[in-house]
Amino acid sequence: MNELRCACANCSCTVDANALQLEGKVYCCEACARGHRNGEPCRMSDCHCAEAAKPAESAVDNALDETFPASDPISP
């Protein structure tokens, strides 16, 4: 029997007949299908794919440093 895996990159869940399909991929739950945008957990309590989907704080801070100050005019 072939078990299908959830299309969420870090998810370890298998999908069943009630799987959510989005853009040709199957997901175990809506949180995985939406990419854990707001940190929603996976439907399976032992799966921690939502934590792996969060951006690292250091990457966010670094991006802010590289774009600040965005409102400064271009020098002549």
C-alpha atoms as a PDB file:
ATOM      1  CA  MET A   1       0.000   0.000   0.000  1.00  0.00           C
ATOM      2  CA  ASN A   2       1.388   3.383  -1.020  1.00  0.00           C
ATOM      3  CA  GLU A   3       1.048   6.090   1.595  1.00  0.00           C
ATOM      4  CA  LEU A   4       1.076   9.661   0.393  1.00  0.00           C
ATOM      5  CA  ARG A   5       3.053  12.202   2.377  1.00  0.00           C
ATOM      6  CA  CYS A   6       1.868  15.714   3.101  1.00  0.00           C
ATOM      7  CA  ALA A   7       3.325  18.248   0.632  1.00  0.00           C
ATOM      8  CA  CYS A   8       4.363  20.565   3.502  1.00  0.00           C
ATOM      9  CA  ALA A   9       8.167  20.622   3.289  1.00  0.00           C
ATOM     10  CA  ASN A  10       8.836  19.756   6.933  1.00  0.00           C
ATOM     11  CA  CYS A  11       5.771  17.633   7.669  1.00  0.00           C
ATOM     12  CA  SER A  12       6.096  13.947   8.465  1.00  0.00           C
ATOM     13  CA  CYS A  13       2.363  13.156   8.229  1.00  0.00           C
ATOM     14  CA  THR A  14       0.694  10.870   5.749  1.00  0.00           C
ATOM     15  CA  VAL A  15      -2.506  11.944   4.050  1.00  0.00           C
ATOM     16  CA  ASP A  16      -5.730   9.989   3.805  1.00  0.00           C
ATOM     17  CA  ALA A  17      -8.904  10.178   1.744  1.00  0.00           C
ATOM     18  CA  ASN A  18      -9.872  13.396   3.553  1.00  0.00           C
ATOM     19  CA  ALA A  19      -6.691  15.202   2.486  1.00  0.00           C
ATOM     20  CA  LEU A  20      -6.840  18.836   1.494  1.00  0.00           C
ATOM     21  CA  GLN A  21      -5.837  19.442  -2.117  1.00  0.00           C
ATOM     22  CA  LEU A  22      -4.423  22.772  -3.189  1.00  0.00           C
ATOM     23  CA  GLU A  23      -2.750  23.564  -6.515  1.00  0.00           C
ATOM     24  CA  GLY A  24      -2.298  19.893  -7.354  1.00  0.00           C
ATOM     25  CA  LYS A  25      -0.655  18.963  -4.035  1.00  0.00           C
ATOM     26  CA  VAL A  26      -2.137  17.137  -1.062  1.00  0.00           C
ATOM     27  CA  TYR A  27      -1.820  18.254   2.546  1.00  0.00           C
ATOM     28  CA  CYS A  28      -2.775  16.662   5.848  1.00  0.00           C
ATOM     29  CA  CYS A  29      -4.428  19.842   7.142  1.00  0.00           C
ATOM     30  CA  GLU A  30      -5.235  23.440   6.237  1.00  0.00           C
ATOM     31  CA  ALA A  31      -2.338  24.802   8.305  1.00  0.00           C
ATOM     32  CA  CYS A  32       0.153  22.854   6.172  1.00  0.00           C
ATOM     33  CA  ALA A  33      -1.620  23.864   2.960  1.00  0.00           C
ATOM     34  CA  ARG A  34      -1.367  27.533   3.902  1.00  0.00           C
ATOM     35  CA  GLY A  35       2.304  27.254   4.902  1.00  0.00           C
ATOM     36  CA  HIS A  36       1.687  27.895   8.610  1.00  0.00           C
ATOM     37  CA  ARG A  37       1.395  31.618   7.821  1.00  0.00           C
ATOM     38  CA  ASN A  38       0.355  32.572  11.334  1.00  0.00           C
ATOM     39  CA  GLY A  39       2.211  29.800  13.140  1.00  0.00           C
ATOM     40  CA  GLU A  40      -0.747  27.433  13.201  1.00  0.00           C
ATOM     41  CA  PRO A  41       0.313  23.971  14.356  1.00  0.00           C
ATOM     42  CA  CYS A  42      -0.035  20.832  12.294  1.00  0.00           C
ATOM     43  CA  ARG A  43      -3.072  18.639  13.020  1.00  0.00           C
ATOM     44  CA  MET A  44      -0.804  15.962  14.456  1.00  0.00           C
ATOM     45  CA  SER A  45       0.491  16.932  17.883  1.00  0.00           C
ATOM     46  CA  ASP A  46       3.765  15.039  17.423  1.00  0.00           C
ATOM     47  CA  CYS A  47       4.595  16.827  14.126  1.00  0.00           C
ATOM     48  CA  HIS A  48       6.536  20.055  14.491  1.00  0.00           C
ATOM     49  CA  CYS A  49       6.514  21.249  10.885  1.00  0.00           C
ATOM     50  CA  ALA A  50       5.061  24.639  11.895  1.00  0.00           C
ATOM     51  CA  GLU A  51       8.137  25.392  13.997  1.00  0.00           C
ATOM     52  CA  ALA A  52      10.434  24.593  11.077  1.00  0.00           C
ATOM     53  CA  ALA A  53       8.377  26.863   8.793  1.00  0.00           C
ATOM     54  CA  LYS A  54       9.040  29.961  10.936  1.00  0.00           C
ATOM     55  CA  PRO A  55      11.778  32.265   9.663  1.00  0.00           C
ATOM     56  CA  ALA A  56      14.787  32.580  11.911  1.00  0.00           C
ATOM     57  CA  GLU A  57      14.722  35.829  13.880  1.00  0.00           C
ATOM     58  CA  SER A  58      18.299  36.583  12.865  1.00  0.00           C
ATOM     59  CA  ALA A  59      17.307  36.456   9.188  1.00  0.00           C
ATOM     60  CA  VAL A  60      14.439  38.866   9.804  1.00  0.00           C
ATOM     61  CA  ASP A  61      16.666  41.258  11.756  1.00  0.00           C
ATOM     62  CA  ASN A  62      19.326  41.097   9.048  1.00  0.00           C
ATOM     63  CA  ALA A  63      16.807  41.956   6.339  1.00  0.00           C
ATOM     64  CA  LEU A  64      15.681  44.980   8.326  1.00  0.00           C
ATOM     65  CA  ASP A  65      19.270  46.209   8.671  1.00  0.00           C
ATOM     66  CA  GLU A  66      19.827  45.880   4.930  1.00  0.00           C
ATOM     67  CA  THR A  67      16.728  47.922   3.990  1.00  0.00           C
ATOM     68  CA  PHE A  68      16.871  50.656   6.614  1.00  0.00           C
ATOM     69  CA  PRO A  69      16.469  53.598   6.122  1.00  0.00           C
ATOM     70  CA  ALA A  70      14.229  53.147   3.137  1.00  0.00           C
ATOM     71  CA  SER A  71      12.883  56.698   3.237  1.00  0.00           C
ATOM     72  CA  ASP A  72      16.217  58.467   2.659  1.00  0.00           C
ATOM     73  CA  PRO A  73      16.390  60.289  -0.664  1.00  0.00           C
ATOM     74  CA  ILE A  74      18.978  59.327  -3.251  1.00  0.00           C
ATOM     75  CA  SER A  75      22.024  61.617  -3.011  1.00  0.00           C
ATOM     76  CA  PRO A  76      22.749  63.842  -5.999  1.00  0.00           C
END
